[in-house]
Amino acid sequence: METYESIKEWKDAHIPSYLSNNVELNTFHDQVMLKVLEIAIERTTLKKSPCKFTWFITGSGGRLEQGLISDQDHGIVYEKYTTENDLYFKKLGEELSKGLNIVGYPYCSGNIMSSNPIWCKSYKEWKVQLYKWMEEKSWESIRYLQIFYDARALYGDTEYINQLKTMIYEQQKDYPTLLKRLMENVKLLKNAIGPMGQILVEQHGVYQGHINLKYAAFLPYVNSVRLLSIKEGLIETSTLERIEVLREKKEYEELLKDSYRNFELLMNYRLTLFQVKEYDDTHYLNLKNLTKDQRKEIKRILKYGKKLHDAVIELVNVKEI
């Protein structure tokens, strides 16, 4: 009988085989997490769910953009609320979070996990919660909306997630101030290129001379493309899939011209960080390890990301909202 510990051994033994291809790596992560779900269900009191449910992952996992090491970002939507159902999925969520941590997916520092009642609710309760987040003006509520929009059903019916995402789209379409609030939440951007055109690296500490790929490189693309996806009501989750769909619209064809290739290259650079031992290590790229041409390429990708980010912010600002 499999245990969380045996899954961890299997994961650690096989994951090196998938570090040359981002699609294969993320497919492997999915397989590992589904094995954890099987054991979690077996260890939960009833051993079988009392109603239909969807287990979704979000963050980099939802976007199919996980690296070697990824923390937890997940939640549950179940069919209907009853006291029995609520108790069952609360226990399942706690077991899932514990199991994933043992297998090698660290607990989420922001508590975006199925063990948190905020992220484990019936479908009807999720609808109420999403409306509440859309009506509230807090930074946290807007952040939660963005996190949820990256959700991808890993187990169960995808319709729960698609319908809830459609709610967000319909709301921002009818009340455009929501899109502006979402834009304001991602407006600030870490400078990646200095006034003299140099790449800005970490100046102190263990990552001195490194660039933080997550904040300096990935987020300008991820946030910009997500914002356009909410505006257009896309249900796709991966940044690359979203770019493909958006580029089919004439108004975004030029804006997103080089974004697909740039983002692919970014993920390939992150795959070179295969000797990392801690979660934070997966974000830092040492420029000294790059060739002159690679540094030039990274600089071009960073500049394009900043340009894309600024253009999307301007696009939202000029709307009559």
Protein backbone atom coordinates (compact mmCIF):
# COMPACT_ATOMS: atom_id res chain seq x y z
CA MET A 1 0.00 0.00 0.00
CA GLU A 2 1.34 3.41 -0.96
CA THR A 3 2.13 6.04 1.65
CA TYR A 4 3.03 9.72 1.39
CA GLU A 5 6.61 8.73 2.14
CA SER A 6 6.72 6.18 -0.70
CA ILE A 7 5.28 8.74 -3.11
CA LYS A 8 8.01 11.17 -2.07
CA GLU A 9 10.67 8.54 -2.79
CA TRP A 10 9.12 7.83 -6.19
CA LYS A 11 8.86 11.57 -6.97
CA ASP A 12 12.44 12.34 -5.97
CA ALA A 13 13.75 9.37 -7.99
CA HIS A 14 11.89 10.19 -11.20
CA ILE A 15 11.62 13.99 -11.36
CA PRO A 16 15.18 14.46 -12.77
CA SER A 17 13.95 12.73 -15.93
CA TYR A 18 11.48 15.57 -16.57
CA LEU A 19 13.70 18.61 -16.10
CA SER A 20 14.33 19.23 -19.79
CA ASN A 21 10.70 19.84 -20.76
CA ASN A 22 8.25 22.13 -18.98
CA VAL A 23 5.13 20.32 -20.23
CA GLU A 24 6.41 16.93 -19.11
CA LEU A 25 7.52 18.36 -15.75
CA ASN A 26 4.09 19.80 -15.02
CA THR A 27 2.36 16.61 -16.15
CA PHE A 28 4.57 14.75 -13.69
CA HIS A 29 3.63 17.15 -10.87
CA ASP A 30 -0.05 16.51 -11.68
CA GLN A 31 0.50 12.75 -11.41
CA VAL A 32 2.22 13.11 -8.05
CA MET A 33 -0.51 15.32 -6.60
CA LEU A 34 -3.26 12.98 -7.82
CA LYS A 35 -1.51 10.10 -6.03
CA VAL A 36 -1.57 12.22 -2.87
CA LEU A 37 -5.30 12.81 -3.37
CA GLU A 38 -5.93 9.05 -3.62
CA ILE A 39 -4.27 8.41 -0.27
CA ALA A 40 -5.93 11.45 1.34
CA ILE A 41 -9.37 10.15 0.32
CA GLU A 42 -8.49 6.68 1.64
CA ARG A 43 -7.42 8.17 4.98
CA THR A 44 -10.47 10.40 5.40
CA THR A 45 -13.19 8.92 7.63
CA LEU A 46 -15.75 7.92 4.99
CA LYS A 47 -13.10 6.74 2.49
CA LYS A 48 -15.43 8.00 -0.22
CA SER A 49 -16.71 11.51 -0.91
CA PRO A 50 -20.37 12.06 0.07
CA CYS A 51 -21.02 14.19 -3.04
CA LYS A 52 -19.36 15.41 -6.25
CA PHE A 53 -16.39 17.72 -5.81
CA THR A 54 -13.59 19.38 -7.73
CA TRP A 55 -10.09 19.65 -6.39
CA PHE A 56 -8.31 22.53 -8.10
CA ILE A 57 -4.79 23.84 -8.04
CA THR A 58 -3.86 27.45 -8.66
CA GLY A 59 -0.73 29.60 -8.73
CA SER A 60 2.06 28.21 -10.91
CA GLY A 61 0.46 24.76 -10.75
CA GLY A 62 -2.83 26.07 -12.07
CA ARG A 63 -0.97 27.82 -14.89
CA LEU A 64 1.11 24.69 -15.69
CA GLU A 65 4.25 26.66 -14.85
CA GLN A 66 5.72 24.78 -11.89
CA GLY A 67 9.46 24.42 -11.62
CA LEU A 68 11.42 21.71 -9.82
CA ILE A 69 10.10 22.74 -6.42
CA SER A 70 6.67 24.28 -5.94
CA ASP A 71 4.70 25.19 -2.85
CA GLN A 72 1.01 24.40 -2.33
CA ASP A 73 -1.83 26.40 -3.91
CA HIS A 74 -5.12 24.50 -4.03
CA GLY A 75 -8.78 24.41 -3.04
CA ILE A 76 -12.01 22.42 -3.14
CA VAL A 77 -15.44 23.11 -4.60
CA TYR A 78 -18.07 20.57 -3.58
CA GLU A 79 -21.59 20.05 -4.86
CA LYS A 80 -23.76 21.20 -1.96
CA TYR A 81 -23.51 22.20 1.65
CA THR A 82 -24.61 19.89 4.43
CA THR A 83 -23.09 19.46 7.87
CA GLU A 84 -21.80 16.04 6.82
CA ASN A 85 -20.30 17.33 3.57
CA ASP A 86 -18.68 20.28 5.29
CA LEU A 87 -17.05 18.04 7.90
CA TYR A 88 -15.86 15.54 5.29
CA PHE A 89 -14.21 18.09 2.98
CA LYS A 90 -12.69 19.95 5.93
CA LYS A 91 -10.94 16.71 6.92
CA LEU A 92 -10.01 15.91 3.33
CA GLY A 93 -8.51 19.38 2.89
CA GLU A 94 -6.42 19.00 6.02
CA GLU A 95 -5.23 15.55 4.95
CA LEU A 96 -4.36 16.82 1.45
CA SER A 97 -2.28 19.70 2.78
CA LYS A 98 -0.44 17.42 5.19
CA GLY A 99 0.20 14.80 2.51
CA LEU A 100 1.46 17.28 -0.07
CA ASN A 101 3.87 18.73 2.48
CA ILE A 102 5.29 15.28 3.27
CA VAL A 103 5.69 14.53 -0.45
CA GLY A 104 7.69 17.72 -0.99
CA TYR A 105 5.27 20.56 -1.70
CA PRO A 106 5.79 23.04 1.15
CA TYR A 107 2.82 24.60 2.92
CA CYS A 108 1.69 27.85 1.28
CA SER A 109 2.82 30.84 3.35
CA GLY A 110 -0.37 32.65 2.29
CA ASN A 111 -2.54 29.69 3.40
CA ILE A 112 -4.02 29.14 -0.09
CA MET A 113 -4.81 25.51 0.69
CA SER A 114 -7.80 23.19 0.94
CA SER A 115 -7.21 23.00 4.70
CA ASN A 116 -8.25 26.67 4.91
CA PRO A 117 -12.10 27.02 5.00
CA ILE A 118 -11.77 30.08 2.72
CA TRP A 119 -10.57 27.74 -0.04
CA CYS A 120 -12.85 24.78 0.72
CA LYS A 121 -16.55 25.46 0.15
CA SER A 122 -19.70 24.27 -1.57
CA TYR A 123 -20.40 25.63 -5.05
CA LYS A 124 -23.12 27.93 -3.72
CA GLU A 125 -20.83 29.23 -0.97
CA TRP A 126 -18.08 29.83 -3.54
CA LYS A 127 -20.47 32.00 -5.58
CA VAL A 128 -21.27 34.07 -2.48
CA GLN A 129 -17.60 34.39 -1.60
CA LEU A 130 -16.57 35.48 -5.09
CA TYR A 131 -19.27 38.16 -5.16
CA LYS A 132 -18.06 39.35 -1.77
CA TRP A 133 -14.47 39.55 -3.01
CA MET A 134 -15.60 41.49 -6.09
CA GLU A 135 -17.59 43.97 -3.99
CA GLU A 136 -14.96 44.51 -1.34
CA LYS A 137 -12.19 47.02 -1.95
CA SER A 138 -9.44 45.40 0.08
CA TRP A 139 -6.11 44.44 -1.43
CA GLU A 140 -6.54 40.91 -0.08
CA SER A 141 -9.91 40.34 -1.80
CA ILE A 142 -8.56 41.43 -5.18
CA ARG A 143 -5.50 39.23 -4.67
CA TYR A 144 -7.76 36.26 -3.91
CA LEU A 145 -9.75 36.89 -7.11
CA GLN A 146 -6.57 36.85 -9.18
CA ILE A 147 -5.41 33.66 -7.49
CA PHE A 148 -8.75 31.98 -8.13
CA TYR A 149 -8.71 32.99 -11.80
CA ASP A 150 -5.60 30.83 -12.22
CA ALA A 151 -7.45 27.77 -10.86
CA ARG A 152 -7.33 24.54 -12.86
CA ALA A 153 -9.39 21.47 -12.01
CA LEU A 154 -7.01 18.62 -11.23
CA TYR A 155 -9.75 16.22 -10.15
CA GLY A 156 -13.50 16.33 -10.74
CA ASP A 157 -15.80 18.36 -12.95
CA THR A 158 -14.16 21.33 -14.68
CA GLU A 159 -17.55 23.05 -15.00
CA TYR A 160 -17.53 24.24 -11.40
CA ILE A 161 -14.35 26.23 -12.03
CA ASN A 162 -15.39 27.44 -15.48
CA GLN A 163 -18.77 28.70 -14.22
CA LEU A 164 -17.17 30.52 -11.29
CA LYS A 165 -14.62 32.17 -13.59
CA THR A 166 -17.46 33.24 -15.89
CA MET A 167 -19.05 34.98 -12.90
CA ILE A 168 -15.92 37.10 -12.48
CA TYR A 169 -15.92 37.95 -16.19
CA GLU A 170 -19.60 38.93 -16.20
CA GLN A 171 -19.15 41.08 -13.12
CA GLN A 172 -16.18 43.02 -14.51
CA LYS A 173 -18.03 43.43 -17.82
CA ASP A 174 -21.06 44.98 -16.08
CA TYR A 175 -19.00 46.88 -13.50
CA PRO A 176 -15.75 47.90 -15.22
CA THR A 177 -14.36 49.44 -12.02
CA LEU A 178 -13.54 45.86 -10.98
CA LEU A 179 -11.05 45.53 -13.84
CA LYS A 180 -9.41 48.77 -12.80
CA ARG A 181 -9.10 47.52 -9.21
CA LEU A 182 -7.52 44.33 -10.52
CA MET A 183 -5.13 46.47 -12.56
CA GLU A 184 -4.21 48.63 -9.57
CA ASN A 185 -3.29 45.49 -7.64
CA VAL A 186 -0.58 44.56 -10.17
CA LYS A 187 0.41 48.07 -11.24
CA LEU A 188 3.60 48.26 -9.22
CA LEU A 189 6.47 46.44 -10.87
CA LYS A 190 9.96 45.61 -9.64
CA ASN A 191 12.50 47.39 -11.84
CA ALA A 192 14.57 44.85 -13.73
CA ILE A 193 16.54 47.21 -15.98
CA GLY A 194 18.54 50.15 -14.62
CA PRO A 195 18.81 53.68 -16.06
CA MET A 196 21.98 52.73 -17.92
CA GLY A 197 20.32 49.68 -19.48
CA GLN A 198 21.93 47.22 -17.08
CA ILE A 199 20.12 44.22 -15.56
CA LEU A 200 19.44 44.96 -11.90
CA VAL A 201 20.63 42.06 -9.76
CA GLU A 202 20.45 41.38 -6.03
CA GLN A 203 23.10 43.47 -4.28
CA HIS A 204 23.39 41.66 -0.96
CA GLY A 205 22.93 38.30 0.70
CA VAL A 206 23.14 34.73 -0.54
CA TYR A 207 21.65 35.69 -3.94
CA GLN A 208 24.04 38.56 -4.64
CA GLY A 209 24.59 38.82 -8.42
CA HIS A 210 21.38 36.88 -9.14
CA ILE A 211 18.16 38.06 -10.76
CA ASN A 212 14.83 37.09 -9.22
CA LEU A 213 13.05 35.52 -12.19
CA LYS A 214 9.69 35.39 -10.40
CA TYR A 215 9.34 39.11 -9.69
CA ALA A 216 11.53 40.66 -12.35
CA ALA A 217 10.67 38.40 -15.28
CA PHE A 218 7.65 36.12 -14.82
CA LEU A 219 5.16 38.42 -13.08
CA PRO A 220 5.09 41.16 -15.75
CA TYR A 221 3.96 38.53 -18.28
CA VAL A 222 1.71 36.50 -15.95
CA ASN A 223 -0.10 39.52 -14.48
CA SER A 224 -0.55 41.33 -17.80
CA VAL A 225 -1.87 38.29 -19.65
CA ARG A 226 -4.16 37.33 -16.74
CA LEU A 227 -5.65 40.84 -16.69
CA LEU A 228 -6.42 40.65 -20.41
CA SER A 229 -7.86 37.16 -19.90
CA ILE A 230 -10.26 38.39 -17.22
CA LYS A 231 -11.23 41.28 -19.48
CA GLU A 232 -12.02 38.86 -22.33
CA GLY A 233 -13.53 36.07 -20.20
CA LEU A 234 -10.97 33.37 -21.02
CA ILE A 235 -11.20 30.11 -19.06
CA GLU A 236 -7.70 28.94 -20.04
CA THR A 237 -5.21 28.99 -17.18
CA SER A 238 -1.70 28.71 -18.57
CA THR A 239 -0.05 31.95 -19.64
CA LEU A 240 0.98 30.40 -22.96
CA GLU A 241 -2.55 29.16 -23.72
CA ARG A 242 -3.96 32.55 -22.79
CA ILE A 243 -1.49 34.29 -25.11
CA GLU A 244 -2.46 31.99 -27.97
CA VAL A 245 -6.17 32.72 -27.56
CA LEU A 246 -5.67 36.47 -27.06
CA ARG A 247 -3.45 36.77 -30.15
CA GLU A 248 -6.37 35.57 -32.25
CA LYS A 249 -8.07 38.89 -31.41
CA LYS A 250 -6.90 41.65 -33.72
CA GLU A 251 -6.53 44.24 -30.95
CA TYR A 252 -3.91 42.10 -29.17
CA GLU A 253 -2.06 40.67 -32.17
CA GLU A 254 0.69 43.30 -32.20
CA LEU A 255 0.77 43.77 -28.42
CA LEU A 256 1.48 40.08 -27.79
CA LYS A 257 3.59 39.45 -30.89
CA ASP A 258 6.74 38.20 -29.13
CA SER A 259 5.25 37.29 -25.77
CA TYR A 260 4.77 33.56 -26.43
CA ARG A 261 8.39 32.93 -27.39
CA ASN A 262 9.69 35.14 -24.57
CA PHE A 263 7.67 33.32 -21.94
CA GLU A 264 8.73 29.93 -23.29
CA LEU A 265 12.36 31.02 -23.04
CA LEU A 266 11.82 32.20 -19.46
CA MET A 267 10.52 28.78 -18.43
CA ASN A 268 13.47 27.14 -20.18
CA TYR A 269 15.89 29.31 -18.21
CA ARG A 270 14.19 28.29 -14.98
CA LEU A 271 14.61 24.63 -15.91
CA THR A 272 18.37 25.22 -15.75
CA LEU A 273 18.03 25.75 -11.99
CA PHE A 274 17.89 22.00 -11.37
CA GLN A 275 20.44 21.91 -8.54
CA VAL A 276 18.31 23.96 -6.16
CA LYS A 277 17.49 22.58 -2.72
CA GLU A 278 14.98 25.11 -1.39
CA TYR A 279 11.77 26.61 -2.80
CA ASP A 280 13.21 30.15 -3.00
CA ASP A 281 16.18 28.88 -5.01
CA THR A 282 13.91 28.12 -7.95
CA HIS A 283 13.45 31.84 -8.56
CA TYR A 284 17.06 33.04 -8.70
CA LEU A 285 19.25 32.96 -11.80
CA ASN A 286 22.96 33.70 -11.49
CA LEU A 287 23.94 35.92 -14.42
CA LYS A 288 27.57 34.80 -14.09
CA ASN A 289 26.50 31.36 -15.30
CA LEU A 290 25.14 32.79 -18.55
CA THR A 291 26.94 33.45 -21.80
CA LYS A 292 27.08 36.94 -23.30
CA ASP A 293 24.31 36.02 -25.74
CA GLN A 294 22.14 34.59 -22.97
CA ARG A 295 22.50 37.77 -20.88
CA LYS A 296 21.53 39.78 -23.95
CA GLU A 297 18.50 37.54 -24.44
CA ILE A 298 17.43 37.86 -20.80
CA LYS A 299 17.71 41.64 -21.03
CA ARG A 300 15.49 41.67 -24.13
CA ILE A 301 12.89 39.48 -22.38
CA LEU A 302 12.89 41.76 -19.33
CA LYS A 303 12.49 44.90 -21.45
CA TYR A 304 9.63 43.36 -23.42
CA GLY A 305 7.92 42.28 -20.18
CA LYS A 306 8.06 45.82 -18.81
CA LYS A 307 6.75 47.21 -22.12
CA LEU A 308 3.88 44.69 -22.16
CA HIS A 309 3.00 45.43 -18.55
CA ASP A 310 2.91 49.20 -19.12
CA ALA A 311 0.84 48.81 -22.29
CA VAL A 312 -1.79 46.65 -20.55
CA ILE A 313 -2.00 49.08 -17.62
CA GLU A 314 -2.54 51.92 -20.10
CA LEU A 315 -5.12 49.88 -21.99
CA VAL A 316 -7.20 49.43 -18.84
CA ASN A 317 -6.74 53.05 -17.79
CA VAL A 318 -8.02 54.55 -21.03
CA LYS A 319 -11.30 52.65 -20.81
CA GLU A 320 -14.31 54.59 -19.59
CA ILE A 321 -14.30 53.29 -16.06
